[in-house]
Amino acid sequence: HFAADTTDSGVRALNAGVDMEMGIFQPAFEHLTQAIDD
């Protein structure tokens, strides 16, 4: 309950300093392309 949704999770992790996401179930970083466009 820190990020609003999965896209927000990826954005906040990357901007905090994460470079790579280890994902089991559809990683949040899959949404980064749209977040960059936005």
Full PDB file with SEQRES, HELIX, SHEET, SSBOND, CRYST1, ORIGX, SCALE, CONECT and MASTER records, all heavy atoms in Angstrom:
SEQRES   1 A   38  HIS PHE ALA ALA ASP THR THR ASP SER GLY VAL ARG ALA          
SEQRES   2 A   38  LEU ASN ALA GLY VAL ASP MET GLU MET GLY ILE PHE GLN          
SEQRES   3 A   38  PRO ALA PHE GLU HIS LEU THR GLN ALA ILE ASP ASP              
HELIX    1 AA1 THR A    6  ALA A   16  1                                  11    
HELIX    2 AA2 ALA A   28  HIS A   31  5                                   4    
HELIX    3 AA3 LEU A   32  ASP A   37  1                                   6    
CRYST1    1.000    1.000    1.000  90.00  90.00  90.00 P 1           1          
ORIGX1      1.000000  0.000000  0.000000        0.00000                         
ORIGX2      0.000000  1.000000  0.000000        0.00000                         
ORIGX3      0.000000  0.000000  1.000000        0.00000                         
SCALE1      1.000000  0.000000  0.000000        0.00000                         
SCALE2      0.000000  1.000000  0.000000        0.00000                         
SCALE3      0.000000  0.000000  1.000000        0.00000                         
ATOM      1  N   HIS A   1       0.834  -1.208   0.000  1.00  0.00           N  
ATOM      2  CA  HIS A   1       0.000   0.000   0.000  1.00  0.00           C  
ATOM      3  C   HIS A   1       0.870   1.258   0.000  1.00  0.00           C  
ATOM      4  O   HIS A   1       0.570   2.258   0.646  1.00  0.00           O  
ATOM      5  CB  HIS A   1      -0.968   0.014   1.187  1.00  0.00           C  
ATOM      6  CG  HIS A   1      -2.072  -0.991   1.053  1.00  0.00           C  
ATOM      7  ND1 HIS A   1      -3.110  -1.101   1.953  1.00  0.00           N  
ATOM      8  CD2 HIS A   1      -2.307  -1.954   0.110  1.00  0.00           C  
ATOM      9  CE1 HIS A   1      -3.940  -2.076   1.585  1.00  0.00           C  
ATOM     10  NE2 HIS A   1      -3.455  -2.609   0.459  1.00  0.00           N  
ATOM     11  N   PHE A   2       1.945   1.152  -0.749  1.00  0.00           N  
ATOM     12  CA  PHE A   2       2.877   2.268  -0.943  1.00  0.00           C  
ATOM     13  C   PHE A   2       2.683   2.848  -2.340  1.00  0.00           C  
ATOM     14  O   PHE A   2       2.611   4.058  -2.513  1.00  0.00           O  
ATOM     15  CB  PHE A   2       4.301   1.734  -0.752  1.00  0.00           C  
ATOM     16  CG  PHE A   2       5.393   2.733  -0.985  1.00  0.00           C  
ATOM     17  CD1 PHE A   2       5.612   3.765  -0.086  1.00  0.00           C  
ATOM     18  CD2 PHE A   2       6.230   2.624  -2.096  1.00  0.00           C  
ATOM     19  CE1 PHE A   2       6.649   4.677  -0.290  1.00  0.00           C  
ATOM     20  CE2 PHE A   2       7.259   3.519  -2.305  1.00  0.00           C  
ATOM     21  CZ  PHE A   2       7.474   4.559  -1.401  1.00  0.00           C  
ATOM     22  N   ALA A   3       2.599   1.969  -3.324  1.00  0.00           N  
ATOM     23  CA  ALA A   3       2.359   2.385  -4.707  1.00  0.00           C  
ATOM     24  C   ALA A   3       0.878   2.209  -5.041  1.00  0.00           C  
ATOM     25  O   ALA A   3       0.187   1.354  -4.488  1.00  0.00           O  
ATOM     26  CB  ALA A   3       3.211   1.557  -5.661  1.00  0.00           C  
ATOM     27  N   ALA A   4       0.409   3.033  -5.987  1.00  0.00           N  
ATOM     28  CA  ALA A   4      -1.014   3.033  -6.327  1.00  0.00           C  
ATOM     29  C   ALA A   4      -1.429   1.799  -7.108  1.00  0.00           C  
ATOM     30  O   ALA A   4      -2.535   1.282  -6.930  1.00  0.00           O  
ATOM     31  CB  ALA A   4      -1.350   4.292  -7.128  1.00  0.00           C  
ATOM     32  N   ASP A   5      -0.537   1.325  -7.989  1.00  0.00           N  
ATOM     33  CA  ASP A   5      -0.845   0.172  -8.823  1.00  0.00           C  
ATOM     34  C   ASP A   5       0.470  -0.414  -9.316  1.00  0.00           C  
ATOM     35  O   ASP A   5       1.554   0.039  -8.925  1.00  0.00           O  
ATOM     36  CB  ASP A   5      -1.765   0.555  -9.991  1.00  0.00           C  
ATOM     37  CG  ASP A   5      -1.246   1.750 -10.779  1.00  0.00           C  
ATOM     38  OD1 ASP A   5      -0.005   1.900 -10.906  1.00  0.00           O  
ATOM     39  OD2 ASP A   5      -2.069   2.540 -11.278  1.00  0.00           O  
ATOM     40  N   THR A   6       0.392  -1.419 -10.187  1.00  0.00           N  
ATOM     41  CA  THR A   6       1.595  -2.096 -10.649  1.00  0.00           C  
ATOM     42  C   THR A   6       2.511  -1.163 -11.423  1.00  0.00           C  
ATOM     43  O   THR A   6       3.740  -1.205 -11.260  1.00  0.00           O  
ATOM     44  CB  THR A   6       1.224  -3.316 -11.511  1.00  0.00           C  
ATOM     45  OG1 THR A   6       0.379  -4.180 -10.756  1.00  0.00           O  
ATOM     46  CG2 THR A   6       2.465  -4.086 -11.930  1.00  0.00           C  
ATOM     47  N   THR A   7       1.937  -0.305 -12.265  1.00  0.00           N  
ATOM     48  CA  THR A   7       2.763   0.644 -13.015  1.00  0.00           C  
ATOM     49  C   THR A   7       3.481   1.586 -12.069  1.00  0.00           C  
ATOM     50  O   THR A   7       4.687   1.843 -12.215  1.00  0.00           O  
ATOM     51  CB  THR A   7       1.892   1.443 -14.007  1.00  0.00           C  
ATOM     52  OG1 THR A   7       1.275   0.537 -14.914  1.00  0.00           O  
ATOM     53  CG2 THR A   7       2.740   2.445 -14.778  1.00  0.00           C  
ATOM     54  N   ASP A   8       2.753   2.096 -11.092  1.00  0.00           N  
ATOM     55  CA  ASP A   8       3.350   2.997 -10.107  1.00  0.00           C  
ATOM     56  C   ASP A   8       4.452   2.290  -9.327  1.00  0.00           C  
ATOM     57  O   ASP A   8       5.476   2.893  -8.983  1.00  0.00           O  
ATOM     58  CB  ASP A   8       2.258   3.506  -9.162  1.00  0.00           C  
ATOM     59  CG  ASP A   8       2.741   4.648  -8.275  1.00  0.00           C  
ATOM     60  OD1 ASP A   8       3.515   5.497  -8.765  1.00  0.00           O  
ATOM     61  OD2 ASP A   8       2.346   4.689  -7.088  1.00  0.00           O  
ATOM     62  N   SER A   9       4.270   0.993  -9.067  1.00  0.00           N  
ATOM     63  CA  SER A   9       5.302   0.221  -8.366  1.00  0.00           C  
ATOM     64  C   SER A   9       6.606   0.223  -9.149  1.00  0.00           C  
ATOM     65  O   SER A   9       7.695   0.453  -8.587  1.00  0.00           O  
ATOM     66  CB  SER A   9       4.836  -1.225  -8.162  1.00  0.00           C  
ATOM     67  OG  SER A   9       3.737  -1.289  -7.298  1.00  0.00           O  
ATOM     68  N   GLY A  10       6.527  -0.052 -10.454  1.00  0.00           N  
ATOM     69  CA  GLY A  10       7.725  -0.054 -11.280  1.00  0.00           C  
ATOM     70  C   GLY A  10       8.390   1.302 -11.344  1.00  0.00           C  
ATOM     71  O   GLY A  10       9.621   1.415 -11.266  1.00  0.00           O  
ATOM     72  N   VAL A  11       7.590   2.336 -11.486  1.00  0.00           N  
ATOM     73  CA  VAL A  11       8.117   3.704 -11.564  1.00  0.00           C  
ATOM     74  C   VAL A  11       8.849   4.058 -10.280  1.00  0.00           C  
ATOM     75  O   VAL A  11       9.975   4.578 -10.299  1.00  0.00           O  
ATOM     76  CB  VAL A  11       6.972   4.702 -11.830  1.00  0.00           C  
ATOM     77  CG1 VAL A  11       7.452   6.141 -11.653  1.00  0.00           C  
ATOM     78  CG2 VAL A  11       6.407   4.497 -13.228  1.00  0.00           C  
ATOM     79  N   ARG A  12       8.236   3.767  -9.132  1.00  0.00           N  
ATOM     80  CA  ARG A  12       8.818   4.180  -7.858  1.00  0.00           C  
ATOM     81  C   ARG A  12      10.065   3.361  -7.521  1.00  0.00           C  
ATOM     82  O   ARG A  12      11.015   3.883  -6.929  1.00  0.00           O  
ATOM     83  CB  ARG A  12       7.761   4.089  -6.761  1.00  0.00           C  
ATOM     84  CG  ARG A  12       6.594   5.045  -7.029  1.00  0.00           C  
ATOM     85  CD  ARG A  12       5.570   5.060  -5.934  1.00  0.00           C  
ATOM     86  NE  ARG A  12       6.030   5.794  -4.765  1.00  0.00           N  
ATOM     87  CZ  ARG A  12       5.221   6.168  -3.761  1.00  0.00           C  
ATOM     88  NH1 ARG A  12       3.932   5.886  -3.814  1.00  0.00           N  
ATOM     89  NH2 ARG A  12       5.699   6.817  -2.724  1.00  0.00           N  
ATOM     90  N   ALA A  13      10.071   2.076  -7.895  1.00  0.00           N  
ATOM     91  CA  ALA A  13      11.269   1.262  -7.657  1.00  0.00           C  
ATOM     92  C   ALA A  13      12.430   1.759  -8.500  1.00  0.00           C  
ATOM     93  O   ALA A  13      13.557   1.923  -8.003  1.00  0.00           O  
ATOM     94  CB  ALA A  13      10.976  -0.205  -7.962  1.00  0.00           C  
ATOM     95  N   LEU A  14      12.190   1.990  -9.785  1.00  0.00           N  
ATOM     96  CA  LEU A  14      13.260   2.465 -10.665  1.00  0.00           C  
ATOM     97  C   LEU A  14      13.776   3.823 -10.208  1.00  0.00           C  
ATOM     98  O   LEU A  14      14.995   4.039 -10.117  1.00  0.00           O  
ATOM     99  CB  LEU A  14      12.760   2.549 -12.104  1.00  0.00           C  
ATOM    100  CG  LEU A  14      13.836   2.919 -13.128  1.00  0.00           C  
ATOM    101  CD1 LEU A  14      14.740   1.728 -13.411  1.00  0.00           C  
ATOM    102  CD2 LEU A  14      13.204   3.422 -14.427  1.00  0.00           C  
ATOM    103  N   ASN A  15      12.877   4.734  -9.920  1.00  0.00           N  
ATOM    104  CA  ASN A  15      13.301   6.075  -9.515  1.00  0.00           C  
ATOM    105  C   ASN A  15      13.989   6.086  -8.156  1.00  0.00           C  
ATOM    106  O   ASN A  15      14.791   6.980  -7.863  1.00  0.00           O  
ATOM    107  CB  ASN A  15      12.107   7.023  -9.516  1.00  0.00           C  
ATOM    108  CG  ASN A  15      11.654   7.387 -10.918  1.00  0.00           C  
ATOM    109  OD1 ASN A  15      12.427   7.294 -11.873  1.00  0.00           O  
ATOM    110  ND2 ASN A  15      10.400   7.789 -11.060  1.00  0.00           N  
ATOM    111  N   ALA A  16      13.700   5.084  -7.332  1.00  0.00           N  
ATOM    112  CA  ALA A  16      14.369   4.995  -6.036  1.00  0.00           C  
ATOM    113  C   ALA A  16      15.814   4.534  -6.169  1.00  0.00           C  
ATOM    114  O   ALA A  16      16.651   4.854  -5.323  1.00  0.00           O  
ATOM    115  CB  ALA A  16      13.612   4.044  -5.116  1.00  0.00           C  
ATOM    116  N   GLY A  17      16.101   3.764  -7.242  1.00  0.00           N  
ATOM    117  CA  GLY A  17      17.471   3.286  -7.426  1.00  0.00           C  
ATOM    118  C   GLY A  17      17.592   1.844  -7.839  1.00  0.00           C  
ATOM    119  O   GLY A  17      18.707   1.325  -7.985  1.00  0.00           O  
ATOM    120  N   VAL A  18      16.472   1.131  -8.028  1.00  0.00           N  
ATOM    121  CA  VAL A  18      16.517  -0.243  -8.522  1.00  0.00           C  
ATOM    122  C   VAL A  18      16.866  -0.231 -10.007  1.00  0.00           C  
ATOM    123  O   VAL A  18      16.323   0.554 -10.771  1.00  0.00           O  
ATOM    124  CB  VAL A  18      15.157  -0.941  -8.302  1.00  0.00           C  
ATOM    125  CG1 VAL A  18      15.103  -2.264  -9.056  1.00  0.00           C  
ATOM    126  CG2 VAL A  18      14.907  -1.164  -6.815  1.00  0.00           C  
ATOM    127  N   ASP A  19      17.771  -1.130 -10.421  1.00  0.00           N  
ATOM    128  CA  ASP A  19      18.161  -1.224 -11.831  1.00  0.00           C  
ATOM    129  C   ASP A  19      17.520  -2.409 -12.540  1.00  0.00           C  
ATOM    130  O   ASP A  19      17.341  -2.383 -13.755  1.00  0.00           O  
ATOM    131  CB  ASP A  19      19.691  -1.351 -11.946  1.00  0.00           C  
ATOM    132  CG  ASP A  19      20.405  -0.147 -11.388  1.00  0.00           C  
ATOM    133  OD1 ASP A  19      20.073   0.975 -11.787  1.00  0.00           O  
ATOM    134  OD2 ASP A  19      21.292  -0.337 -10.532  1.00  0.00           O  
ATOM    135  N   MET A  20      17.225  -3.479 -11.797  1.00  0.00           N  
ATOM    136  CA  MET A  20      16.636  -4.677 -12.402  1.00  0.00           C  
ATOM    137  C   MET A  20      15.621  -5.261 -11.439  1.00  0.00           C  
ATOM    138  O   MET A  20      15.865  -5.320 -10.239  1.00  0.00           O  
ATOM    139  CB  MET A  20      17.716  -5.715 -12.718  1.00  0.00           C  
ATOM    140  CG  MET A  20      17.176  -7.025 -13.297  1.00  0.00           C  
ATOM    141  SD  MET A  20      18.478  -8.269 -13.608  1.00  0.00           S  
ATOM    142  CE  MET A  20      19.202  -7.614 -15.122  1.00  0.00           C  
ATOM    143  N   GLU A  21      14.482  -5.688 -11.994  1.00  0.00           N  
ATOM    144  CA  GLU A  21      13.486  -6.344 -11.164  1.00  0.00           C  
ATOM    145  C   GLU A  21      13.547  -7.849 -11.371  1.00  0.00           C  
ATOM    146  O   GLU A  21      13.498  -8.339 -12.499  1.00  0.00           O  
ATOM    147  CB  GLU A  21      12.076  -5.858 -11.493  1.00  0.00           C  
ATOM    148  CG  GLU A  21      11.012  -6.533 -10.628  1.00  0.00           C  
ATOM    149  CD  GLU A  21       9.588  -6.132 -10.949  1.00  0.00           C  
ATOM    150  OE1 GLU A  21       9.377  -5.465 -11.977  1.00  0.00           O  
ATOM    151  OE2 GLU A  21       8.690  -6.479 -10.178  1.00  0.00           O  
ATOM    152  N   MET A  22      13.637  -8.582 -10.258  1.00  0.00           N  
ATOM    153  CA  MET A  22      13.512 -10.036 -10.290  1.00  0.00           C  
ATOM    154  C   MET A  22      12.026 -10.360 -10.212  1.00  0.00           C  
ATOM    155  O   MET A  22      11.372 -10.028  -9.216  1.00  0.00           O  
ATOM    156  CB  MET A  22      14.255 -10.664  -9.110  1.00  0.00           C  
ATOM    157  CG  MET A  22      14.187 -12.183  -9.069  1.00  0.00           C  
ATOM    158  SD  MET A  22      14.688 -12.871  -7.461  1.00  0.00           S  
ATOM    159  CE  MET A  22      16.379 -12.317  -7.348  1.00  0.00           C  
ATOM    160  N   GLY A  23      11.502 -10.982 -11.250  1.00  0.00           N  
ATOM    161  CA  GLY A  23      10.068 -11.184 -11.302  1.00  0.00           C  
ATOM    162  C   GLY A  23       9.656 -12.629 -11.427  1.00  0.00           C  
ATOM    163  O   GLY A  23      10.254 -13.394 -12.182  1.00  0.00           O  
ATOM    164  N   ILE A  24       8.638 -13.003 -10.680  1.00  0.00           N  
ATOM    165  CA  ILE A  24       8.019 -14.317 -10.837  1.00  0.00           C  
ATOM    166  C   ILE A  24       6.709 -14.154 -11.605  1.00  0.00           C  
ATOM    167  O   ILE A  24       6.474 -14.789 -12.611  1.00  0.00           O  
ATOM    168  CB  ILE A  24       7.738 -14.973  -9.475  1.00  0.00           C  
ATOM    169  CG1 ILE A  24       9.009 -15.096  -8.644  1.00  0.00           C  
ATOM    170  CG2 ILE A  24       7.122 -16.352  -9.658  1.00  0.00           C  
ATOM    171  CD1 ILE A  24       8.779 -15.642  -7.240  1.00  0.00           C  
ATOM    172  N   PHE A  25       5.871 -13.272 -11.100  1.00  0.00           N  
ATOM    173  CA  PHE A  25       4.544 -13.084 -11.680  1.00  0.00           C  
ATOM    174  C   PHE A  25       4.449 -11.702 -12.328  1.00  0.00           C  
ATOM    175  O   PHE A  25       4.232 -10.701 -11.655  1.00  0.00           O  
ATOM    176  CB  PHE A  25       3.475 -13.231 -10.599  1.00  0.00           C  
ATOM    177  CG  PHE A  25       3.569 -14.502  -9.815  1.00  0.00           C  
ATOM    178  CD1 PHE A  25       4.012 -14.495  -8.506  1.00  0.00           C  
ATOM    179  CD2 PHE A  25       3.231 -15.713 -10.383  1.00  0.00           C  
ATOM    180  CE1 PHE A  25       4.103 -15.671  -7.774  1.00  0.00           C  
ATOM    181  CE2 PHE A  25       3.319 -16.897  -9.660  1.00  0.00           C  
ATOM    182  CZ  PHE A  25       3.753 -16.880  -8.353  1.00  0.00           C  
ATOM    183  N   GLN A  26       4.614 -11.623 -13.626  1.00  0.00           N  
ATOM    184  CA  GLN A  26       4.417 -10.404 -14.413  1.00  0.00           C  
ATOM    185  C   GLN A  26       5.008  -9.162 -13.718  1.00  0.00           C  
ATOM    186  O   GLN A  26       4.304  -8.393 -13.080  1.00  0.00           O  
ATOM    187  CB  GLN A  26       2.931 -10.208 -14.689  1.00  0.00           C  
ATOM    188  CG  GLN A  26       2.351 -11.353 -15.522  1.00  0.00           C  
ATOM    189  CD  GLN A  26       0.855 -11.268 -15.693  1.00  0.00           C  
ATOM    190  OE1 GLN A  26       0.136 -11.027 -14.736  1.00  0.00           O  
ATOM    191  NE2 GLN A  26       0.398 -11.460 -16.913  1.00  0.00           N  
ATOM    192  N   PRO A  27       6.300  -8.976 -13.824  1.00  0.00           N  
ATOM    193  CA  PRO A  27       6.994  -7.902 -13.108  1.00  0.00           C  
ATOM    194  C   PRO A  27       6.414  -6.519 -13.386  1.00  0.00           C  
ATOM    195  O   PRO A  27       5.884  -6.243 -14.461  1.00  0.00           O  
ATOM    196  CB  PRO A  27       8.421  -8.003 -13.644  1.00  0.00           C  
ATOM    197  CG  PRO A  27       8.547  -9.376 -14.192  1.00  0.00           C  
ATOM    198  CD  PRO A  27       7.200  -9.756 -14.678  1.00  0.00           C  
ATOM    199  N   ALA A  28       6.549  -5.659 -12.397  1.00  0.00           N  
ATOM    200  CA  ALA A  28       6.092  -4.279 -12.549  1.00  0.00           C  
ATOM    201  C   ALA A  28       6.864  -3.559 -13.645  1.00  0.00           C  
ATOM    202  O   ALA A  28       6.333  -2.658 -14.300  1.00  0.00           O  
ATOM    203  CB  ALA A  28       6.247  -3.541 -11.219  1.00  0.00           C  
ATOM    204  N   PHE A  29       8.129  -3.961 -13.864  1.00  0.00           N  
ATOM    205  CA  PHE A  29       8.945  -3.288 -14.881  1.00  0.00           C  
ATOM    206  C   PHE A  29       8.415  -3.535 -16.297  1.00  0.00           C  
ATOM    207  O   PHE A  29       8.801  -2.819 -17.221  1.00  0.00           O  
ATOM    208  CB  PHE A  29      10.404  -3.739 -14.774  1.00  0.00           C  
ATOM    209  CG  PHE A  29      11.218  -2.956 -13.765  1.00  0.00           C  
ATOM    210  CD1 PHE A  29      10.604  -2.280 -12.725  1.00  0.00           C  
ATOM    211  CD2 PHE A  29      12.603  -2.910 -13.846  1.00  0.00           C  
ATOM    212  CE1 PHE A  29      11.349  -1.555 -11.790  1.00  0.00           C  
ATOM    213  CE2 PHE A  29      13.359  -2.196 -12.922  1.00  0.00           C  
ATOM    214  CZ  PHE A  29      12.726  -1.518 -11.893  1.00  0.00           C  
ATOM    215  N   GLU A  30       7.538  -4.513 -16.467  1.00  0.00           N  
ATOM    216  CA  GLU A  30       6.924  -4.698 -17.781  1.00  0.00           C  
ATOM    217  C   GLU A  30       6.104  -3.479 -18.198  1.00  0.00           C  
ATOM    218  O   GLU A  30       5.819  -3.280 -19.378  1.00  0.00           O  
ATOM    219  CB  GLU A  30       6.020  -5.940 -17.769  1.00  0.00           C  
ATOM    220  CG  GLU A  30       6.775  -7.257 -17.707  1.00  0.00           C  
ATOM    221  CD  GLU A  30       5.869  -8.470 -17.745  1.00  0.00           C  
ATOM    222  OE1 GLU A  30       4.648  -8.312 -17.506  1.00  0.00           O  
ATOM    223  OE2 GLU A  30       6.377  -9.578 -18.010  1.00  0.00           O  
ATOM    224  N   HIS A  31       5.739  -2.648 -17.227  1.00  0.00           N  
ATOM    225  CA  HIS A  31       4.920  -1.466 -17.498  1.00  0.00           C  
ATOM    226  C   HIS A  31       5.757  -0.203 -17.693  1.00  0.00           C  
ATOM    227  O   HIS A  31       5.189   0.882 -17.878  1.00  0.00           O  
ATOM    228  CB  HIS A  31       3.935  -1.244 -16.345  1.00  0.00           C  
ATOM    229  CG  HIS A  31       2.973  -2.379 -16.137  1.00  0.00           C  
ATOM    230  ND1 HIS A  31       1.704  -2.389 -16.672  1.00  0.00           N  
ATOM    231  CD2 HIS A  31       3.110  -3.550 -15.466  1.00  0.00           C  
ATOM    232  CE1 HIS A  31       1.090  -3.514 -16.334  1.00  0.00           C  
ATOM    233  NE2 HIS A  31       1.932  -4.237 -15.597  1.00  0.00           N  
ATOM    234  N   LEU A  32       7.081  -0.323 -17.637  1.00  0.00           N  
ATOM    235  CA  LEU A  32       7.919   0.876 -17.706  1.00  0.00           C  
ATOM    236  C   LEU A  32       7.860   1.564 -19.065  1.00  0.00           C  
ATOM    237  O   LEU A  32       7.974   2.791 -19.148  1.00  0.00           O  
ATOM    238  CB  LEU A  32       9.370   0.525 -17.369  1.00  0.00           C  
ATOM    239  CG  LEU A  32       9.694   0.293 -15.886  1.00  0.00           C  
ATOM    240  CD1 LEU A  32      11.171  -0.054 -15.720  1.00  0.00           C  
ATOM    241  CD2 LEU A  32       9.348   1.522 -15.046  1.00  0.00           C  
ATOM    242  N   THR A  33       7.706   0.812 -20.134  1.00  0.00           N  
ATOM    243  CA  THR A  33       7.675   1.442 -21.461  1.00  0.00           C  
ATOM    244  C   THR A  33       6.563   2.468 -21.536  1.00  0.00           C  
ATOM    245  O   THR A  33       6.774   3.607 -22.003  1.00  0.00           O  
ATOM    246  CB  THR A  33       7.489   0.372 -22.556  1.00  0.00           C  
ATOM    247  OG1 THR A  33       8.565  -0.559 -22.479  1.00  0.00           O  
ATOM    248  CG2 THR A  33       7.484   1.018 -23.943  1.00  0.00           C  
ATOM    249  N   GLN A  34       5.376   2.092 -21.053  1.00  0.00           N  
ATOM    250  CA  GLN A  34       4.259   3.041 -21.063  1.00  0.00           C  
ATOM    251  C   GLN A  34       4.530   4.196 -20.118  1.00  0.00           C  
ATOM    252  O   GLN A  34       4.211   5.356 -20.418  1.00  0.00           O  
ATOM    253  CB  GLN A  34       2.965   2.327 -20.653  1.00  0.00           C  
ATOM    254  CG  GLN A  34       1.714   3.201 -20.753  1.00  0.00           C  
ATOM    255  CD  GLN A  34       1.452   3.688 -22.163  1.00  0.00           C  
ATOM    256  OE1 GLN A  34       1.443   2.907 -23.113  1.00  0.00           O  
ATOM    257  NE2 GLN A  34       1.284   5.005 -22.331  1.00  0.00           N  
ATOM    258  N   ALA A  35       5.129   3.911 -18.970  1.00  0.00           N  
ATOM    259  CA  ALA A  35       5.429   4.970 -18.009  1.00  0.00           C  
ATOM    260  C   ALA A  35       6.420   5.976 -18.585  1.00  0.00           C  
ATOM    261  O   ALA A  35       6.326   7.187 -18.318  1.00  0.00           O  
ATOM    262  CB  ALA A  35       5.981   4.357 -16.721  1.00  0.00           C  
ATOM    263  N   ILE A  36       7.373   5.490 -19.376  1.00  0.00           N  
ATOM    264  CA  ILE A  36       8.326   6.393 -20.033  1.00  0.00           C  
ATOM    265  C   ILE A  36       7.595   7.268 -21.044  1.00  0.00           C  
ATOM    266  O   ILE A  36       7.792   8.492 -21.106  1.00  0.00           O  
ATOM    267  CB  ILE A  36       9.443   5.585 -20.715  1.00  0.00           C  
ATOM    268  CG1 ILE A  36      10.287   4.852 -19.657  1.00  0.00           C  
ATOM    269  CG2 ILE A  36      10.331   6.488 -21.568  1.00  0.00           C  
ATOM    270  CD1 ILE A  36      11.168   3.762 -20.222  1.00  0.00           C  
ATOM    271  N   ASP A  37       6.729   6.635 -21.820  1.00  0.00           N  
ATOM    272  CA  ASP A  37       5.955   7.403 -22.806  1.00  0.00           C  
ATOM    273  C   ASP A  37       5.086   8.455 -22.132  1.00  0.00           C  
ATOM    274  O   ASP A  37       4.858   9.542 -22.692  1.00  0.00           O  
ATOM    275  CB  ASP A  37       5.067   6.454 -23.626  1.00  0.00           C  
ATOM    276  CG  ASP A  37       5.876   5.552 -24.549  1.00  0.00           C  
ATOM    277  OD1 ASP A  37       7.058   5.880 -24.801  1.00  0.00           O  
ATOM    278  OD2 ASP A  37       5.340   4.530 -24.992  1.00  0.00           O  
ATOM    279  N   ASP A  38       4.604   8.144 -20.926  1.00  0.00           N  
ATOM    280  CA  ASP A  38       3.741   9.082 -20.198  1.00  0.00           C  
ATOM    281  C   ASP A  38       4.531  10.140 -19.438  1.00  0.00           C  
ATOM    282  O   ASP A  38       3.936  10.994 -18.768  1.00  0.00           O  
ATOM    283  CB  ASP A  38       2.862   8.311 -19.206  1.00  0.00           C  
ATOM    284  CG  ASP A  38       1.850   7.404 -19.898  1.00  0.00           C  
ATOM    285  OD1 ASP A  38       1.607   7.612 -21.105  1.00  0.00           O  
ATOM    286  OD2 ASP A  38       1.321   6.493 -19.235  1.00  0.00           O  
TER     287      ASP A  38                                                      
MASTER        0    0    0    3    0    0    0    6  286    1    0    3          
END                                                                             
